[in-house]
Amino acid sequence: MSVREIKISDTENLVHLIRQVEEESDYMLMEAGERQITAEQQRTRIETMKNSENSTVFVVEKDHKLIGYLFAIGGTARRTKHSVYIVIGILKDYRGQGIGTKLFKRLEEWAREKSLHRLELTVVIRNEPGVALYKKMGFEIEGTKKDSLFISGEFVDEYYMAKLL
């Protein structure tokens, strides 16, 4: 199993992986089938991120198959360039096996190399494994977004979490 920065040649596999993660998870922003991104749109997004000083995508590959990803989306204004917003997804069959920890360790190495200062994310409060992972990796709860998402017919809260480097 390897954690690495994404390559342009991973584009189609990443599109498939994101859709599969969204089908398997109750806590992603988009519901199963909602995302309509094409491989070409995703390729453009990856190219843009790879050309950015403060954005990237890490993927986890096992047996030549992508099984997880972490997007680090850097701020674009001068006042937010020190900060990245994180989106992570891991296939259901591979959760709880240390993959998230490996992704966050690689993210932190990269962020320090880039002299970034703030890592941030949001997480549904009832996503206990996610909250536990983020706390384990040094993230702290900064606040609560009340009724932030509408999932399965009800409003749910999210934590706003961050880690300062």
Protein backbone atom coordinates (compact mmCIF):
# COMPACT_ATOMS: atom_id res chain seq x y z
CA MET A 1 0.00 0.00 0.00
CA SER A 2 1.41 3.39 -0.94
CA VAL A 3 0.41 6.98 -0.25
CA ARG A 4 1.46 9.37 -3.00
CA GLU A 5 0.54 12.56 -4.77
CA ILE A 6 -1.88 12.05 -7.61
CA LYS A 7 -0.77 11.70 -11.22
CA ILE A 8 -2.77 12.93 -14.20
CA SER A 9 -3.02 9.29 -15.30
CA ASP A 10 -5.06 8.57 -12.13
CA THR A 11 -7.91 10.84 -13.24
CA GLU A 12 -10.49 8.26 -14.33
CA ASN A 13 -9.72 6.02 -11.36
CA LEU A 14 -10.14 8.99 -9.01
CA VAL A 15 -13.53 9.88 -10.50
CA HIS A 16 -14.65 6.28 -9.95
CA LEU A 17 -13.21 6.21 -6.41
CA ILE A 18 -14.96 9.45 -5.37
CA ARG A 19 -18.30 8.14 -6.68
CA GLN A 20 -17.84 4.84 -4.85
CA VAL A 21 -16.93 6.57 -1.56
CA GLU A 22 -20.01 8.79 -1.88
CA GLU A 23 -22.17 5.68 -2.43
CA GLU A 24 -20.74 4.00 0.67
CA SER A 25 -20.78 6.91 3.11
CA ASP A 26 -23.54 8.74 4.93
CA TYR A 27 -21.25 11.67 5.73
CA MET A 28 -19.87 13.03 2.46
CA LEU A 29 -21.14 16.39 1.21
CA MET A 30 -22.66 14.90 -1.93
CA GLU A 31 -25.07 11.99 -1.97
CA ALA A 32 -24.63 8.91 -4.14
CA GLY A 33 -25.11 9.83 -7.79
CA GLU A 34 -25.24 13.58 -7.15
CA ARG A 35 -21.72 14.42 -8.37
CA GLN A 36 -21.71 14.99 -12.12
CA ILE A 37 -18.01 15.65 -12.73
CA THR A 38 -16.54 14.22 -15.91
CA ALA A 39 -13.06 12.76 -16.21
CA GLU A 40 -12.02 15.79 -18.29
CA GLN A 41 -13.29 18.23 -15.64
CA GLN A 42 -11.49 16.26 -12.94
CA ARG A 43 -8.29 16.20 -15.03
CA THR A 44 -8.44 20.00 -15.31
CA ARG A 45 -8.98 20.29 -11.55
CA ILE A 46 -6.01 18.01 -10.83
CA GLU A 47 -3.78 19.97 -13.22
CA THR A 48 -4.80 23.24 -11.57
CA MET A 49 -4.10 21.85 -8.11
CA LYS A 50 -0.73 20.39 -9.15
CA ASN A 51 0.28 23.81 -10.49
CA SER A 52 -0.74 25.49 -7.24
CA GLU A 53 1.69 26.21 -4.41
CA ASN A 54 -0.83 25.25 -1.73
CA SER A 55 -3.12 22.57 -3.15
CA THR A 56 -2.69 18.89 -3.95
CA VAL A 57 -4.36 15.50 -3.91
CA PHE A 58 -2.95 12.43 -2.19
CA VAL A 59 -4.15 8.96 -3.08
CA VAL A 60 -3.71 5.55 -1.48
CA GLU A 61 -3.02 2.71 -3.88
CA LYS A 62 -3.16 -0.98 -3.05
CA ASP A 63 -2.68 -3.73 -5.64
CA HIS A 64 -2.84 -1.13 -8.45
CA LYS A 65 -6.24 0.12 -7.21
CA LEU A 66 -7.03 3.51 -5.64
CA ILE A 67 -8.69 2.97 -2.27
CA GLY A 68 -8.53 6.42 -0.66
CA TYR A 69 -7.91 10.10 -1.31
CA LEU A 70 -7.24 13.36 0.47
CA PHE A 71 -7.75 16.72 -1.22
CA ALA A 72 -5.82 19.67 0.24
CA ILE A 73 -7.44 22.78 -1.22
CA GLY A 74 -5.43 25.90 -0.59
CA GLY A 75 -6.78 29.37 -0.03
CA THR A 76 -6.62 31.63 -3.08
CA ALA A 77 -6.63 35.06 -1.44
CA ARG A 78 -3.38 36.44 -0.02
CA ARG A 79 -4.96 36.34 3.41
CA THR A 80 -5.78 32.61 3.16
CA LYS A 81 -2.81 31.20 1.23
CA HIS A 82 -1.41 29.80 4.49
CA SER A 83 -4.47 27.58 4.92
CA VAL A 84 -5.81 24.41 3.29
CA TYR A 85 -9.26 22.85 3.47
CA ILE A 86 -9.25 19.05 3.59
CA VAL A 87 -11.61 16.51 2.05
CA ILE A 88 -10.87 12.84 2.71
CA GLY A 89 -12.53 9.65 1.50
CA ILE A 90 -11.66 5.97 1.99
CA LEU A 91 -13.48 2.96 0.59
CA LYS A 92 -15.65 1.27 3.22
CA ASP A 93 -13.75 -2.04 3.14
CA TYR A 94 -10.49 -0.25 4.01
CA ARG A 95 -11.66 2.02 6.83
CA GLY A 96 -10.26 1.46 10.31
CA GLN A 97 -6.95 0.13 8.96
CA GLY A 98 -4.72 3.18 9.48
CA ILE A 99 -5.12 4.58 5.97
CA GLY A 100 -6.53 7.89 7.21
CA THR A 101 -3.57 8.23 9.58
CA LYS A 102 -1.14 7.64 6.71
CA LEU A 103 -2.90 10.22 4.55
CA PHE A 104 -2.81 12.84 7.30
CA LYS A 105 0.87 12.18 8.06
CA ARG A 106 1.72 12.65 4.38
CA LEU A 107 -0.44 15.79 4.26
CA GLU A 108 1.38 17.27 7.23
CA GLU A 109 4.82 16.55 5.70
CA TRP A 110 3.74 18.25 2.49
CA ALA A 111 2.17 21.21 4.34
CA ARG A 112 5.33 21.80 6.36
CA GLU A 113 7.46 21.62 3.17
CA LYS A 114 5.18 24.32 1.72
CA SER A 115 5.36 26.44 4.91
CA LEU A 116 1.60 26.24 5.35
CA HIS A 117 0.19 27.10 8.75
CA ARG A 118 -3.43 25.93 9.01
CA LEU A 119 -5.20 22.67 8.11
CA GLU A 120 -8.99 22.73 8.40
CA LEU A 121 -12.02 20.57 7.74
CA THR A 122 -15.64 20.00 8.65
CA VAL A 123 -17.10 16.73 9.90
CA VAL A 124 -20.61 15.58 10.76
CA ILE A 125 -20.75 15.38 14.56
CA ARG A 126 -22.13 11.84 14.57
CA ASN A 127 -19.26 10.60 12.36
CA GLU A 128 -17.48 9.26 15.43
CA PRO A 129 -14.67 7.43 13.59
CA GLY A 130 -13.91 10.58 11.59
CA VAL A 131 -13.92 12.84 14.64
CA ALA A 132 -11.67 10.35 16.48
CA LEU A 133 -9.19 10.25 13.58
CA TYR A 134 -9.00 14.02 13.32
CA LYS A 135 -8.49 14.43 17.07
CA LYS A 136 -5.81 11.72 17.01
CA MET A 137 -4.03 13.68 14.27
CA GLY A 138 -4.03 16.84 16.38
CA PHE A 139 -7.10 18.64 15.08
CA GLU A 140 -9.19 20.61 17.54
CA ILE A 141 -12.86 21.52 17.42
CA GLU A 142 -13.18 25.25 16.80
CA GLY A 143 -16.94 25.43 16.57
CA THR A 144 -20.21 23.84 15.56
CA LYS A 145 -22.11 24.54 12.37
CA LYS A 146 -25.73 24.05 13.44
CA ASP A 147 -28.09 22.35 10.96
CA SER A 148 -25.24 22.45 8.46
CA LEU A 149 -26.36 19.52 6.29
CA PHE A 150 -29.65 17.80 5.50
CA ILE A 151 -29.09 14.03 5.61
CA SER A 152 -31.77 11.33 5.45
CA GLY A 153 -34.59 13.75 6.16
CA GLU A 154 -33.02 15.59 9.08
CA PHE A 155 -30.69 18.49 9.74
CA VAL A 156 -27.32 17.55 11.23
CA ASP A 157 -24.57 19.59 12.82
CA GLU A 158 -20.92 19.64 11.78
CA TYR A 159 -17.81 20.43 13.73
CA TYR A 160 -15.37 22.91 12.28
CA MET A 161 -11.93 21.47 13.12
CA ALA A 162 -8.42 22.75 12.51
CA LYS A 163 -4.78 22.07 13.23
CA LEU A 164 -2.13 24.77 13.34
CA LEU A 165 1.36 23.80 12.22
